Amino acid sequence: MKNLKKQVFLPVAAIGLALGGAFMTSAAKVNAASNAQVPGYYYDNVQLECRDAGVECSTIDTGIPCTDGTRNLFELDGTMCETPLYQIPQ
């Protein structure tokens, strides 16, 4: 009976540890991606294109828009820059 418990417990424990490790690794990757810093872009009405403002911004809504001092900045998506970016938390 003792051997049977050991034979069942060890594989179950190993599978549990493997699943827990996989979940934690996955959660860490998602968290790191969501905290990504991205370059901020603004729409140039003269050139009719999105231009790099040279400012790093956050995709996380901190409540404070990311700016280059005068303009709100946005995330570049293909040729569009419409998704607002936020100031990186200090």
N, C-alpha and C. Protein backbone atom coordinates (compact mmCIF):
# COMPACT_ATOMS: atom_id res chain seq x y z
N MET A 1 0.82 -1.19 0.00
CA MET A 1 0.00 0.00 0.00
C MET A 1 0.87 1.26 0.00
N LYS A 2 2.00 1.21 0.81
CA LYS A 2 2.89 2.36 0.84
C LYS A 2 3.51 2.61 -0.53
N ASN A 3 3.92 1.54 -1.20
CA ASN A 3 4.52 1.69 -2.53
C ASN A 3 3.51 2.25 -3.53
N LEU A 4 2.27 1.85 -3.41
CA LEU A 4 1.24 2.36 -4.30
C LEU A 4 1.04 3.85 -4.11
N LYS A 5 1.03 4.31 -2.86
CA LYS A 5 0.89 5.75 -2.59
C LYS A 5 2.06 6.52 -3.18
N LYS A 6 3.28 5.99 -3.01
CA LYS A 6 4.46 6.65 -3.57
C LYS A 6 4.39 6.65 -5.10
N GLN A 7 3.94 5.55 -5.68
CA GLN A 7 3.88 5.45 -7.13
C GLN A 7 2.85 6.41 -7.71
N VAL A 8 1.81 6.72 -6.96
CA VAL A 8 0.78 7.65 -7.43
C VAL A 8 1.16 9.09 -7.08
N PHE A 9 1.66 9.31 -5.88
CA PHE A 9 1.93 10.66 -5.40
C PHE A 9 3.04 11.36 -6.20
N LEU A 10 4.13 10.68 -6.47
CA LEU A 10 5.26 11.31 -7.16
C LEU A 10 4.89 11.80 -8.56
N PRO A 11 4.25 11.01 -9.39
CA PRO A 11 3.87 11.53 -10.71
C PRO A 11 2.86 12.68 -10.64
N VAL A 12 1.91 12.58 -9.72
CA VAL A 12 0.92 13.65 -9.56
C VAL A 12 1.61 14.93 -9.12
N ALA A 13 2.55 14.83 -8.17
CA ALA A 13 3.28 16.01 -7.70
C ALA A 13 4.13 16.60 -8.83
N ALA A 14 4.76 15.76 -9.61
CA ALA A 14 5.59 16.24 -10.72
C ALA A 14 4.74 16.97 -11.76
N ILE A 15 3.60 16.42 -12.08
CA ILE A 15 2.70 17.06 -13.05
C ILE A 15 2.20 18.39 -12.49
N GLY A 16 1.87 18.42 -11.20
CA GLY A 16 1.42 19.66 -10.57
C GLY A 16 2.50 20.74 -10.61
N LEU A 17 3.74 20.37 -10.32
CA LEU A 17 4.84 21.34 -10.39
C LEU A 17 5.07 21.83 -11.81
N ALA A 18 4.99 20.94 -12.77
CA ALA A 18 5.18 21.33 -14.17
C ALA A 18 4.10 22.30 -14.63
N LEU A 19 2.86 22.01 -14.28
CA LEU A 19 1.76 22.91 -14.67
C LEU A 19 1.89 24.26 -13.98
N GLY A 20 2.24 24.24 -12.70
CA GLY A 20 2.42 25.49 -11.97
C GLY A 20 3.55 26.33 -12.56
N GLY A 21 4.65 25.68 -12.92
CA GLY A 21 5.77 26.40 -13.53
C GLY A 21 5.40 26.97 -14.88
N ALA A 22 4.67 26.21 -15.67
CA ALA A 22 4.24 26.70 -16.98
C ALA A 22 3.32 27.90 -16.84
N PHE A 23 2.41 27.84 -15.90
CA PHE A 23 1.49 28.95 -15.69
C PHE A 23 2.25 30.20 -15.25
N MET A 24 3.18 30.06 -14.33
CA MET A 24 3.93 31.22 -13.84
C MET A 24 4.77 31.84 -14.94
N THR A 25 5.38 31.03 -15.78
CA THR A 25 6.17 31.54 -16.89
C THR A 25 5.29 32.30 -17.87
N SER A 26 4.12 31.75 -18.15
CA SER A 26 3.17 32.39 -19.06
C SER A 26 2.71 33.72 -18.50
N ALA A 27 2.37 33.75 -17.22
CA ALA A 27 1.90 34.99 -16.59
C ALA A 27 3.00 36.04 -16.59
N ALA A 28 4.24 35.65 -16.37
CA ALA A 28 5.35 36.61 -16.37
C ALA A 28 5.54 37.21 -17.76
N LYS A 29 5.40 36.40 -18.81
CA LYS A 29 5.55 36.91 -20.17
C LYS A 29 4.45 37.91 -20.50
N VAL A 30 3.22 37.61 -20.10
CA VAL A 30 2.10 38.51 -20.35
C VAL A 30 2.32 39.81 -19.61
N ASN A 31 2.75 39.75 -18.35
CA ASN A 31 2.98 40.95 -17.56
C ASN A 31 4.09 41.80 -18.17
N ALA A 32 5.17 41.18 -18.63
CA ALA A 32 6.27 41.91 -19.23
C ALA A 32 5.81 42.58 -20.53
N ALA A 33 5.00 41.89 -21.30
CA ALA A 33 4.51 42.46 -22.55
C ALA A 33 3.58 43.64 -22.30
N SER A 34 2.76 43.54 -21.27
CA SER A 34 1.82 44.62 -21.00
C SER A 34 2.51 45.86 -20.44
N ASN A 35 3.70 45.70 -19.91
CA ASN A 35 4.45 46.83 -19.39
C ASN A 35 5.42 47.38 -20.42
N ALA A 36 5.27 46.97 -21.66
CA ALA A 36 6.22 47.32 -22.70
C ALA A 36 6.27 48.83 -22.91
N GLN A 37 7.49 49.30 -23.09
CA GLN A 37 7.69 50.69 -23.48
C GLN A 37 7.75 50.72 -25.00
N VAL A 38 7.05 51.66 -25.57
CA VAL A 38 7.01 51.78 -27.02
C VAL A 38 7.30 53.23 -27.41
N PRO A 39 7.83 53.44 -28.61
CA PRO A 39 8.06 54.81 -29.05
C PRO A 39 6.74 55.51 -29.33
N GLY A 40 6.69 56.79 -28.99
CA GLY A 40 5.49 57.59 -29.23
C GLY A 40 5.52 58.25 -30.59
N TYR A 41 4.38 58.28 -31.24
CA TYR A 41 4.25 58.89 -32.57
C TYR A 41 3.15 59.95 -32.54
N TYR A 42 3.27 60.92 -33.42
CA TYR A 42 2.23 61.93 -33.61
C TYR A 42 1.91 61.99 -35.09
N TYR A 43 0.71 62.48 -35.41
CA TYR A 43 0.31 62.59 -36.81
C TYR A 43 0.71 63.95 -37.35
N ASP A 44 1.51 63.95 -38.37
CA ASP A 44 1.96 65.19 -39.02
C ASP A 44 0.94 65.55 -40.10
N ASN A 45 0.18 66.61 -39.86
CA ASN A 45 -0.87 67.02 -40.81
C ASN A 45 -0.31 67.57 -42.11
N VAL A 46 0.94 68.02 -42.11
CA VAL A 46 1.55 68.54 -43.34
C VAL A 46 2.03 67.39 -44.22
N GLN A 47 2.78 66.45 -43.63
CA GLN A 47 3.30 65.31 -44.38
C GLN A 47 2.27 64.18 -44.52
N LEU A 48 1.17 64.29 -43.77
CA LEU A 48 0.11 63.29 -43.77
C LEU A 48 0.62 61.89 -43.42
N GLU A 49 1.43 61.81 -42.35
CA GLU A 49 1.96 60.53 -41.89
C GLU A 49 2.30 60.61 -40.41
N CYS A 50 2.44 59.44 -39.81
CA CYS A 50 2.84 59.36 -38.40
C CYS A 50 4.34 59.56 -38.31
N ARG A 51 4.76 60.37 -37.36
CA ARG A 51 6.18 60.68 -37.19
C ARG A 51 6.62 60.29 -35.78
N ASP A 52 7.83 59.75 -35.68
CA ASP A 52 8.41 59.36 -34.40
C ASP A 52 8.77 60.63 -33.62
N ALA A 53 8.28 60.72 -32.38
CA ALA A 53 8.55 61.89 -31.55
C ALA A 53 9.84 61.75 -30.75
N GLY A 54 10.43 60.55 -30.75
CA GLY A 54 11.67 60.34 -30.00
C GLY A 54 11.44 60.25 -28.50
N VAL A 55 10.22 59.86 -28.10
CA VAL A 55 9.86 59.75 -26.69
C VAL A 55 9.35 58.34 -26.43
N GLU A 56 9.82 57.71 -25.36
CA GLU A 56 9.33 56.40 -24.96
C GLU A 56 8.08 56.57 -24.10
N CYS A 57 7.07 55.76 -24.37
CA CYS A 57 5.80 55.84 -23.66
C CYS A 57 5.40 54.44 -23.19
N SER A 58 4.32 54.38 -22.41
CA SER A 58 3.81 53.12 -21.90
C SER A 58 2.46 52.82 -22.52
N THR A 59 2.17 51.53 -22.67
CA THR A 59 0.85 51.12 -23.17
C THR A 59 -0.13 50.98 -22.01
N ILE A 60 0.35 51.08 -20.76
CA ILE A 60 -0.50 50.96 -19.57
C ILE A 60 -1.14 52.31 -19.27
N ASP A 61 -2.43 52.33 -19.06
CA ASP A 61 -3.15 53.57 -18.77
C ASP A 61 -2.82 54.04 -17.36
N THR A 62 -1.94 55.03 -17.27
CA THR A 62 -1.56 55.62 -15.98
C THR A 62 -2.41 56.85 -15.67
N GLY A 63 -3.26 57.23 -16.62
CA GLY A 63 -4.08 58.42 -16.44
C GLY A 63 -3.39 59.69 -16.91
N ILE A 64 -2.11 59.59 -17.25
CA ILE A 64 -1.35 60.76 -17.71
C ILE A 64 -0.91 60.50 -19.14
N PRO A 65 -1.44 61.26 -20.11
CA PRO A 65 -1.06 61.04 -21.51
C PRO A 65 0.43 61.27 -21.72
N CYS A 66 1.01 60.49 -22.62
CA CYS A 66 2.41 60.67 -22.99
C CYS A 66 2.46 61.82 -24.01
N THR A 67 3.36 62.75 -23.80
CA THR A 67 3.49 63.88 -24.72
C THR A 67 4.95 64.12 -25.06
N ASP A 68 5.16 64.92 -26.09
CA ASP A 68 6.51 65.36 -26.43
C ASP A 68 6.71 66.80 -25.95
N GLY A 69 5.83 67.24 -25.10
CA GLY A 69 5.88 68.60 -24.58
C GLY A 69 4.70 69.43 -25.06
N THR A 70 4.24 69.15 -26.28
CA THR A 70 3.11 69.90 -26.84
C THR A 70 2.01 69.02 -27.39
N ARG A 71 2.37 67.83 -27.89
CA ARG A 71 1.39 66.95 -28.54
C ARG A 71 1.24 65.65 -27.77
N ASN A 72 0.02 65.13 -27.74
CA ASN A 72 -0.20 63.78 -27.21
C ASN A 72 0.37 62.79 -28.22
N LEU A 73 0.94 61.70 -27.69
CA LEU A 73 1.58 60.71 -28.56
C LEU A 73 0.76 59.43 -28.61
N PHE A 74 0.95 58.69 -29.70
CA PHE A 74 0.15 57.51 -29.98
C PHE A 74 1.05 56.35 -30.40
N GLU A 75 0.48 55.13 -30.33
CA GLU A 75 1.21 53.94 -30.74
C GLU A 75 1.06 53.75 -32.25
N LEU A 76 2.16 53.41 -32.90
CA LEU A 76 2.15 53.17 -34.34
C LEU A 76 1.61 51.77 -34.62
N ASP A 77 0.60 51.69 -35.49
CA ASP A 77 0.01 50.42 -35.88
C ASP A 77 -0.09 50.41 -37.39
N GLY A 78 0.91 49.85 -38.06
CA GLY A 78 0.96 49.89 -39.52
C GLY A 78 1.31 51.30 -39.96
N THR A 79 0.35 51.97 -40.58
CA THR A 79 0.57 53.36 -40.98
C THR A 79 -0.29 54.32 -40.15
N MET A 80 -1.02 53.78 -39.20
CA MET A 80 -1.93 54.58 -38.37
C MET A 80 -1.30 54.81 -36.99
N CYS A 81 -1.63 55.93 -36.39
CA CYS A 81 -1.21 56.19 -35.01
C CYS A 81 -2.41 56.80 -34.27
N GLU A 82 -3.27 55.92 -33.75
CA GLU A 82 -4.50 56.35 -33.10
C GLU A 82 -4.63 55.90 -31.65
N THR A 83 -3.90 54.85 -31.25
CA THR A 83 -4.02 54.32 -29.90
C THR A 83 -3.23 55.19 -28.94
N PRO A 84 -3.89 55.83 -27.97
CA PRO A 84 -3.17 56.73 -27.06
C PRO A 84 -2.15 56.00 -26.20
N LEU A 85 -1.06 56.67 -25.91
CA LEU A 85 -0.02 56.15 -25.03
C LEU A 85 0.01 56.99 -23.77
N TYR A 86 0.68 56.45 -22.75
CA TYR A 86 0.68 57.08 -21.44
C TYR A 86 2.09 57.26 -20.93
N GLN A 87 2.22 58.21 -20.02
CA GLN A 87 3.52 58.49 -19.42
C GLN A 87 4.00 57.27 -18.65
N ILE A 88 5.27 56.97 -18.75
CA ILE A 88 5.85 55.83 -18.05
C ILE A 88 5.89 56.16 -16.56
N PRO A 89 5.34 55.26 -15.71
CA PRO A 89 5.37 55.52 -14.27
C PRO A 89 6.81 55.62 -13.75
N GLN A 90 7.01 56.55 -12.86
CA GLN A 90 8.36 56.76 -12.29
C GLN A 90 8.59 55.85 -11.13
